[in-house]
């Protein structure tokens, strides 16, 4: 994606007007909240993974009548959704070989990765990210 001069000016305005300390705090709340919720729903997640296809559920996004689910299936669905949200956000889950709550910094499609990099640049001049990039080579 090519960023135009006008977009650069607008991005500069957004960067300067954002309360980055608050954003950092919000990311910590989301990180901890997701990790705690995933730890609390491990059994429900296993139930989903082992039984959803047999129960006729293609995936966690294809259930039209959530209100009609039993409480066990609602809990299993919530457990699965937590992991989908965590993966999209950039936090490790027990769905793959990651550790619950691990912060992902190498998944460019994860929503929190660019925010973490911006925070790194603003608070440390980008040294942490540059060091991680060099260590990975």
N, C-alpha and C. Protein backbone atom coordinates (compact mmCIF):
# COMPACT_ATOMS: atom_id res chain seq x y z
N UNK A 1 0.84 -1.17 0.00
CA UNK A 1 0.00 0.00 0.00
C UNK A 1 0.89 1.24 0.00
N UNK A 2 0.61 2.12 -0.92
CA UNK A 2 1.34 3.37 -1.02
C UNK A 2 0.61 4.43 -0.20
N UNK A 3 1.32 5.12 0.67
CA UNK A 3 0.73 6.16 1.50
C UNK A 3 0.97 7.51 0.83
N UNK A 4 -0.11 8.24 0.59
CA UNK A 4 -0.01 9.54 -0.06
C UNK A 4 0.48 10.58 0.95
N UNK A 5 0.88 11.74 0.44
CA UNK A 5 1.33 12.83 1.31
C UNK A 5 0.20 13.27 2.24
N UNK A 6 -1.01 13.36 1.70
CA UNK A 6 -2.16 13.75 2.52
C UNK A 6 -2.40 12.72 3.64
N UNK A 7 -2.26 11.44 3.32
CA UNK A 7 -2.43 10.40 4.34
C UNK A 7 -1.33 10.47 5.39
N UNK A 8 -0.11 10.80 4.96
CA UNK A 8 0.99 10.95 5.91
C UNK A 8 0.69 12.06 6.90
N UNK A 9 0.16 13.15 6.41
CA UNK A 9 -0.19 14.28 7.29
C UNK A 9 -1.27 13.84 8.28
N UNK A 10 -2.28 13.13 7.78
CA UNK A 10 -3.36 12.67 8.65
C UNK A 10 -2.84 11.65 9.67
N UNK A 11 -1.97 10.76 9.24
CA UNK A 11 -1.38 9.79 10.17
C UNK A 11 -0.56 10.49 11.25
N UNK A 12 0.17 11.52 10.88
CA UNK A 12 0.94 12.31 11.84
C UNK A 12 0.01 12.91 12.89
N UNK A 13 -1.12 13.46 12.43
CA UNK A 13 -2.10 14.04 13.35
C UNK A 13 -2.63 12.97 14.31
N UNK A 14 -2.97 11.79 13.78
CA UNK A 14 -3.48 10.70 14.62
C UNK A 14 -2.42 10.29 15.64
N UNK A 15 -1.17 10.14 15.19
CA UNK A 15 -0.09 9.76 16.10
C UNK A 15 0.08 10.78 17.23
N UNK A 16 0.01 12.05 16.88
CA UNK A 16 0.23 13.09 17.87
C UNK A 16 -0.95 13.26 18.83
N UNK A 17 -2.15 12.95 18.40
CA UNK A 17 -3.33 13.17 19.24
C UNK A 17 -3.76 11.94 20.03
N UNK A 18 -3.14 10.81 19.79
CA UNK A 18 -3.52 9.59 20.49
C UNK A 18 -2.83 9.53 21.85
N UNK A 19 -3.57 9.23 22.91
CA UNK A 19 -2.97 9.08 24.24
C UNK A 19 -2.31 7.70 24.35
N UNK A 20 -1.07 7.60 23.89
CA UNK A 20 -0.39 6.31 23.74
C UNK A 20 -0.19 5.57 25.06
N UNK A 21 -0.06 6.30 26.14
CA UNK A 21 0.04 5.63 27.44
C UNK A 21 -1.25 4.88 27.77
N UNK A 22 -2.38 5.49 27.44
CA UNK A 22 -3.66 4.83 27.63
C UNK A 22 -3.81 3.62 26.72
N UNK A 23 -3.33 3.76 25.48
CA UNK A 23 -3.39 2.64 24.53
C UNK A 23 -2.54 1.47 25.05
N UNK A 24 -1.36 1.78 25.58
CA UNK A 24 -0.51 0.72 26.14
C UNK A 24 -1.22 0.02 27.29
N UNK A 25 -1.87 0.79 28.14
CA UNK A 25 -2.63 0.20 29.24
C UNK A 25 -3.77 -0.66 28.75
N UNK A 26 -4.46 -0.20 27.71
CA UNK A 26 -5.57 -0.98 27.14
C UNK A 26 -5.07 -2.29 26.55
N UNK A 27 -3.91 -2.26 25.88
CA UNK A 27 -3.35 -3.50 25.34
C UNK A 27 -3.02 -4.49 26.45
N UNK A 28 -2.50 -3.99 27.56
CA UNK A 28 -2.19 -4.87 28.70
C UNK A 28 -3.47 -5.50 29.25
N UNK A 29 -4.54 -4.72 29.34
CA UNK A 29 -5.82 -5.25 29.83
C UNK A 29 -6.34 -6.34 28.89
N UNK A 30 -6.27 -6.07 27.59
CA UNK A 30 -6.73 -7.06 26.62
C UNK A 30 -5.86 -8.32 26.69
N UNK A 31 -4.54 -8.15 26.74
CA UNK A 31 -3.63 -9.30 26.82
C UNK A 31 -3.96 -10.18 28.02
N UNK A 32 -4.04 -9.55 29.19
CA UNK A 32 -4.31 -10.30 30.42
C UNK A 32 -5.72 -10.87 30.44
N UNK A 33 -6.67 -10.10 29.97
CA UNK A 33 -8.05 -10.57 29.94
C UNK A 33 -8.23 -11.78 29.04
N UNK A 34 -7.64 -11.72 27.84
CA UNK A 34 -7.74 -12.87 26.93
C UNK A 34 -7.04 -14.09 27.52
N UNK A 35 -5.85 -13.91 28.06
CA UNK A 35 -5.11 -15.04 28.63
C UNK A 35 -5.89 -15.67 29.78
N UNK A 36 -6.41 -14.85 30.68
CA UNK A 36 -7.17 -15.36 31.82
C UNK A 36 -8.44 -16.08 31.35
N UNK A 37 -9.15 -15.47 30.41
CA UNK A 37 -10.38 -16.09 29.91
C UNK A 37 -10.08 -17.41 29.20
N UNK A 38 -8.98 -17.48 28.46
CA UNK A 38 -8.64 -18.74 27.78
C UNK A 38 -8.26 -19.82 28.79
N UNK A 39 -7.52 -19.44 29.83
CA UNK A 39 -7.18 -20.42 30.86
C UNK A 39 -8.44 -20.94 31.56
N UNK A 40 -9.40 -20.06 31.76
CA UNK A 40 -10.64 -20.43 32.45
C UNK A 40 -11.57 -21.28 31.60
N UNK A 41 -11.32 -21.32 30.29
CA UNK A 41 -12.24 -22.04 29.40
C UNK A 41 -11.57 -23.20 28.65
N UNK A 42 -10.48 -23.72 29.20
CA UNK A 42 -9.78 -24.82 28.51
C UNK A 42 -10.68 -26.03 28.26
N UNK A 43 -11.43 -26.45 29.28
CA UNK A 43 -12.30 -27.62 29.12
C UNK A 43 -13.41 -27.35 28.09
N UNK A 44 -13.96 -26.16 28.13
CA UNK A 44 -15.00 -25.79 27.17
C UNK A 44 -14.43 -25.80 25.74
N UNK A 45 -13.21 -25.30 25.60
CA UNK A 45 -12.57 -25.29 24.29
C UNK A 45 -12.34 -26.71 23.80
N UNK A 46 -11.88 -27.60 24.67
CA UNK A 46 -11.69 -29.01 24.28
C UNK A 46 -13.02 -29.62 23.83
N UNK A 47 -14.09 -29.31 24.55
CA UNK A 47 -15.41 -29.82 24.17
C UNK A 47 -15.75 -29.36 22.75
N UNK A 48 -15.52 -28.07 22.47
CA UNK A 48 -15.80 -27.56 21.12
C UNK A 48 -14.97 -28.30 20.09
N UNK A 49 -13.68 -28.37 20.30
CA UNK A 49 -12.78 -28.96 19.32
C UNK A 49 -13.10 -30.44 19.06
N UNK A 50 -13.49 -31.16 20.09
CA UNK A 50 -13.73 -32.59 19.95
C UNK A 50 -15.13 -32.91 19.40
N UNK A 51 -16.08 -31.99 19.54
CA UNK A 51 -17.47 -32.35 19.25
C UNK A 51 -18.22 -31.44 18.29
N UNK A 52 -17.67 -30.30 17.90
CA UNK A 52 -18.49 -29.35 17.13
C UNK A 52 -18.96 -29.89 15.78
N UNK A 53 -18.12 -30.65 15.09
CA UNK A 53 -18.55 -31.17 13.80
C UNK A 53 -19.66 -32.21 13.95
N UNK A 54 -19.50 -33.10 14.93
CA UNK A 54 -20.55 -34.11 15.18
C UNK A 54 -21.86 -33.46 15.58
N UNK A 55 -21.79 -32.31 16.23
CA UNK A 55 -22.99 -31.59 16.64
C UNK A 55 -23.59 -30.76 15.50
N UNK A 56 -22.90 -30.74 14.36
CA UNK A 56 -23.42 -30.03 13.19
C UNK A 56 -22.98 -28.59 13.08
N UNK A 57 -21.97 -28.19 13.86
CA UNK A 57 -21.46 -26.81 13.80
C UNK A 57 -20.21 -26.79 12.94
N UNK A 58 -20.30 -26.11 11.79
CA UNK A 58 -19.18 -26.05 10.86
C UNK A 58 -18.00 -25.32 11.50
N UNK A 59 -18.27 -24.16 12.05
CA UNK A 59 -17.26 -23.36 12.73
C UNK A 59 -17.96 -22.42 13.70
N UNK A 60 -17.18 -21.65 14.42
CA UNK A 60 -17.74 -20.79 15.46
C UNK A 60 -18.52 -19.60 14.93
N UNK A 61 -18.38 -19.31 13.64
CA UNK A 61 -19.06 -18.14 13.07
C UNK A 61 -20.33 -18.51 12.31
N UNK A 62 -20.64 -19.78 12.25
CA UNK A 62 -21.79 -20.21 11.44
C UNK A 62 -23.01 -20.58 12.28
N UNK A 63 -23.00 -20.27 13.55
CA UNK A 63 -24.13 -20.61 14.42
C UNK A 63 -25.10 -19.43 14.43
N UNK A 64 -26.27 -19.65 13.82
CA UNK A 64 -27.25 -18.57 13.71
C UNK A 64 -28.04 -18.36 15.00
N UNK A 65 -28.37 -19.44 15.69
CA UNK A 65 -29.23 -19.36 16.86
C UNK A 65 -28.41 -19.60 18.14
N UNK A 66 -27.64 -18.62 18.53
CA UNK A 66 -26.82 -18.75 19.73
C UNK A 66 -27.70 -18.90 20.97
N UNK A 67 -28.81 -18.20 21.00
CA UNK A 67 -29.71 -18.27 22.15
C UNK A 67 -30.29 -19.67 22.34
N UNK A 68 -30.37 -20.43 21.26
CA UNK A 68 -30.93 -21.77 21.33
C UNK A 68 -29.94 -22.84 21.78
N UNK A 69 -28.68 -22.46 21.98
CA UNK A 69 -27.67 -23.42 22.43
C UNK A 69 -27.87 -23.75 23.91
N UNK A 70 -27.48 -24.96 24.29
CA UNK A 70 -27.47 -25.29 25.70
C UNK A 70 -26.36 -24.48 26.37
N UNK A 71 -26.39 -24.39 27.67
CA UNK A 71 -25.34 -23.62 28.36
C UNK A 71 -23.97 -24.24 28.11
N UNK A 72 -23.88 -25.55 28.00
CA UNK A 72 -22.59 -26.19 27.71
C UNK A 72 -22.07 -25.78 26.34
N UNK A 73 -22.95 -25.77 25.34
CA UNK A 73 -22.52 -25.39 24.00
C UNK A 73 -22.24 -23.90 23.90
N UNK A 74 -22.97 -23.08 24.63
CA UNK A 74 -22.65 -21.63 24.65
C UNK A 74 -21.26 -21.42 25.23
N UNK A 75 -20.95 -22.13 26.31
CA UNK A 75 -19.62 -22.01 26.92
C UNK A 75 -18.54 -22.50 25.96
N UNK A 76 -18.81 -23.58 25.27
CA UNK A 76 -17.84 -24.10 24.30
C UNK A 76 -17.64 -23.12 23.15
N UNK A 77 -18.73 -22.52 22.70
CA UNK A 77 -18.65 -21.52 21.64
C UNK A 77 -17.85 -20.31 22.09
N UNK A 78 -18.12 -19.81 23.28
CA UNK A 78 -17.38 -18.66 23.81
C UNK A 78 -15.89 -19.00 23.91
N UNK A 79 -15.56 -20.19 24.36
CA UNK A 79 -14.16 -20.61 24.47
C UNK A 79 -13.49 -20.58 23.10
N UNK A 80 -14.18 -21.06 22.08
CA UNK A 80 -13.62 -21.08 20.72
C UNK A 80 -13.48 -19.66 20.20
N UNK A 81 -14.50 -18.82 20.42
CA UNK A 81 -14.44 -17.43 19.96
C UNK A 81 -13.30 -16.67 20.62
N UNK A 82 -13.06 -16.92 21.90
CA UNK A 82 -11.94 -16.28 22.58
C UNK A 82 -10.63 -16.56 21.86
N UNK A 83 -10.45 -17.79 21.42
CA UNK A 83 -9.22 -18.16 20.73
C UNK A 83 -9.15 -17.54 19.35
N UNK A 84 -10.27 -17.44 18.66
CA UNK A 84 -10.28 -16.77 17.35
C UNK A 84 -9.93 -15.30 17.51
N UNK A 85 -10.50 -14.66 18.52
CA UNK A 85 -10.19 -13.25 18.78
C UNK A 85 -8.72 -13.08 19.14
N UNK A 86 -8.20 -13.94 20.01
CA UNK A 86 -6.80 -13.85 20.43
C UNK A 86 -5.85 -14.00 19.24
N UNK A 87 -6.15 -14.93 18.34
CA UNK A 87 -5.28 -15.13 17.18
C UNK A 87 -5.32 -13.92 16.25
N UNK A 88 -6.52 -13.34 16.05
CA UNK A 88 -6.63 -12.15 15.19
C UNK A 88 -5.95 -10.95 15.83
N UNK A 89 -5.98 -10.90 17.13
CA UNK A 89 -5.40 -9.79 17.89
C UNK A 89 -3.88 -9.89 17.99
N UNK A 90 -3.37 -11.11 18.15
CA UNK A 90 -1.91 -11.28 18.24
C UNK A 90 -1.43 -11.83 19.57
N UNK A 91 -2.25 -12.67 20.21
CA UNK A 91 -1.87 -13.31 21.47
C UNK A 91 -1.95 -14.81 21.28
N UNK A 92 -0.97 -15.53 21.82
CA UNK A 92 -0.93 -16.98 21.69
C UNK A 92 -2.10 -17.66 22.34
N UNK A 93 -2.48 -18.79 21.77
CA UNK A 93 -3.59 -19.59 22.29
C UNK A 93 -3.13 -21.04 22.43
N UNK A 94 -3.99 -21.85 23.01
CA UNK A 94 -3.70 -23.27 23.06
C UNK A 94 -4.28 -24.00 21.85
N UNK A 95 -4.73 -23.25 20.85
CA UNK A 95 -5.27 -23.85 19.62
C UNK A 95 -4.14 -24.43 18.78
N UNK A 96 -3.04 -23.74 18.73
CA UNK A 96 -1.85 -24.24 18.04
C UNK A 96 -0.80 -24.49 19.11
N UNK A 97 0.44 -24.56 18.73
CA UNK A 97 1.48 -24.92 19.69
C UNK A 97 1.94 -23.76 20.57
N UNK A 98 1.27 -22.63 20.48
CA UNK A 98 1.64 -21.46 21.28
C UNK A 98 1.28 -21.66 22.75
N UNK A 99 1.87 -20.84 23.56
CA UNK A 99 1.50 -20.78 24.98
C UNK A 99 0.42 -19.72 25.12
N UNK A 100 -0.59 -20.00 25.93
CA UNK A 100 -1.65 -19.00 26.15
C UNK A 100 -1.03 -17.70 26.64
N UNK A 101 -1.40 -16.61 25.98
CA UNK A 101 -0.96 -15.29 26.40
C UNK A 101 0.35 -14.81 25.81
N UNK A 102 1.08 -15.67 25.09
CA UNK A 102 2.32 -15.22 24.45
C UNK A 102 2.02 -14.08 23.49
N UNK A 103 2.82 -13.04 23.57
CA UNK A 103 2.64 -11.89 22.69
C UNK A 103 3.30 -12.21 21.35
N UNK A 104 2.53 -12.09 20.28
CA UNK A 104 3.04 -12.35 18.94
C UNK A 104 3.58 -11.04 18.36
N UNK A 105 4.79 -11.09 17.85
CA UNK A 105 5.33 -9.89 17.23
C UNK A 105 5.69 -10.12 15.77
N UNK A 106 5.54 -11.35 15.31
CA UNK A 106 5.95 -11.67 13.94
C UNK A 106 4.78 -11.86 12.98
N UNK A 107 3.56 -11.78 13.45
CA UNK A 107 2.38 -11.96 12.61
C UNK A 107 1.87 -10.60 12.17
N UNK A 108 2.24 -10.19 10.97
CA UNK A 108 1.90 -8.86 10.47
C UNK A 108 0.40 -8.66 10.28
N UNK A 109 -0.37 -9.76 10.26
CA UNK A 109 -1.81 -9.61 10.09
C UNK A 109 -2.55 -9.47 11.42
N UNK A 110 -1.85 -9.66 12.53
CA UNK A 110 -2.48 -9.54 13.85
C UNK A 110 -2.69 -8.06 14.19
N UNK A 111 -3.87 -7.74 14.68
CA UNK A 111 -4.27 -6.35 14.90
C UNK A 111 -3.36 -5.59 15.86
N UNK A 112 -2.87 -6.23 16.90
CA UNK A 112 -2.09 -5.51 17.91
C UNK A 112 -0.62 -5.31 17.52
N UNK A 113 -0.14 -6.03 16.52
CA UNK A 113 1.29 -5.93 16.17
C UNK A 113 1.68 -4.51 15.75
N UNK A 114 0.97 -3.87 14.83
CA UNK A 114 1.38 -2.49 14.49
C UNK A 114 1.25 -1.53 15.66
N UNK A 115 0.24 -1.73 16.51
CA UNK A 115 0.11 -0.87 17.69
C UNK A 115 1.31 -1.03 18.62
N UNK A 116 1.74 -2.27 18.82
CA UNK A 116 2.91 -2.52 19.67
C UNK A 116 4.17 -1.90 19.07
N UNK A 117 4.29 -1.97 17.75
CA UNK A 117 5.46 -1.37 17.10
C UNK A 117 5.44 0.15 17.21
N UNK A 118 4.28 0.75 17.06
CA UNK A 118 4.16 2.21 17.22
C UNK A 118 4.54 2.60 18.64
N UNK A 119 4.01 1.87 19.62
CA UNK A 119 4.36 2.14 21.02
C UNK A 119 5.85 2.00 21.26
N UNK A 120 6.46 0.99 20.65
CA UNK A 120 7.89 0.77 20.79
C UNK A 120 8.68 1.96 20.22
N UNK A 121 8.29 2.40 19.05
CA UNK A 121 8.98 3.53 18.42
C UNK A 121 8.82 4.79 19.27
N UNK A 122 7.60 5.03 19.75
CA UNK A 122 7.35 6.24 20.53
C UNK A 122 8.03 6.22 21.89
N UNK A 123 8.16 5.05 22.50
CA UNK A 123 8.73 5.00 23.85
C UNK A 123 10.21 4.66 23.87
N UNK A 124 10.70 3.94 22.87
CA UNK A 124 12.11 3.52 22.88
C UNK A 124 12.82 3.87 21.58
N UNK A 125 12.22 4.66 20.75
CA UNK A 125 12.84 5.02 19.48
C UNK A 125 12.94 3.86 18.52
N UNK A 126 12.17 2.79 18.75
CA UNK A 126 12.18 1.63 17.86
C UNK A 126 13.28 0.65 18.14
N UNK A 127 14.07 0.89 19.20
CA UNK A 127 15.23 0.02 19.49
C UNK A 127 14.82 -1.41 19.79
N UNK A 128 13.71 -1.61 20.51
CA UNK A 128 13.27 -2.97 20.86
C UNK A 128 12.92 -3.74 19.61
N UNK A 129 12.15 -3.13 18.70
CA UNK A 129 11.75 -3.81 17.47
C UNK A 129 12.96 -4.06 16.59
N UNK A 130 13.85 -3.09 16.48
CA UNK A 130 15.05 -3.25 15.66
C UNK A 130 15.91 -4.39 16.21
N UNK A 131 16.02 -4.49 17.54
CA UNK A 131 16.81 -5.55 18.17
C UNK A 131 16.16 -6.91 17.89
N UNK A 132 14.83 -7.01 17.96
CA UNK A 132 14.13 -8.26 17.68
C UNK A 132 14.36 -8.66 16.23
N UNK A 133 14.30 -7.70 15.31
CA UNK A 133 14.49 -8.00 13.89
C UNK A 133 15.90 -8.51 13.63
N UNK A 134 16.89 -7.90 14.28
CA UNK A 134 18.28 -8.31 14.11
C UNK A 134 18.52 -9.69 14.73
N UNK A 135 17.91 -9.94 15.90
CA UNK A 135 18.07 -11.24 16.56
C UNK A 135 17.48 -12.36 15.73
N UNK A 136 16.40 -12.07 14.97
CA UNK A 136 15.75 -13.10 14.19
C UNK A 136 16.56 -13.46 12.96
N UNK A 137 17.46 -12.59 12.50
CA UNK A 137 18.24 -12.88 11.30
C UNK A 137 19.40 -13.80 11.56
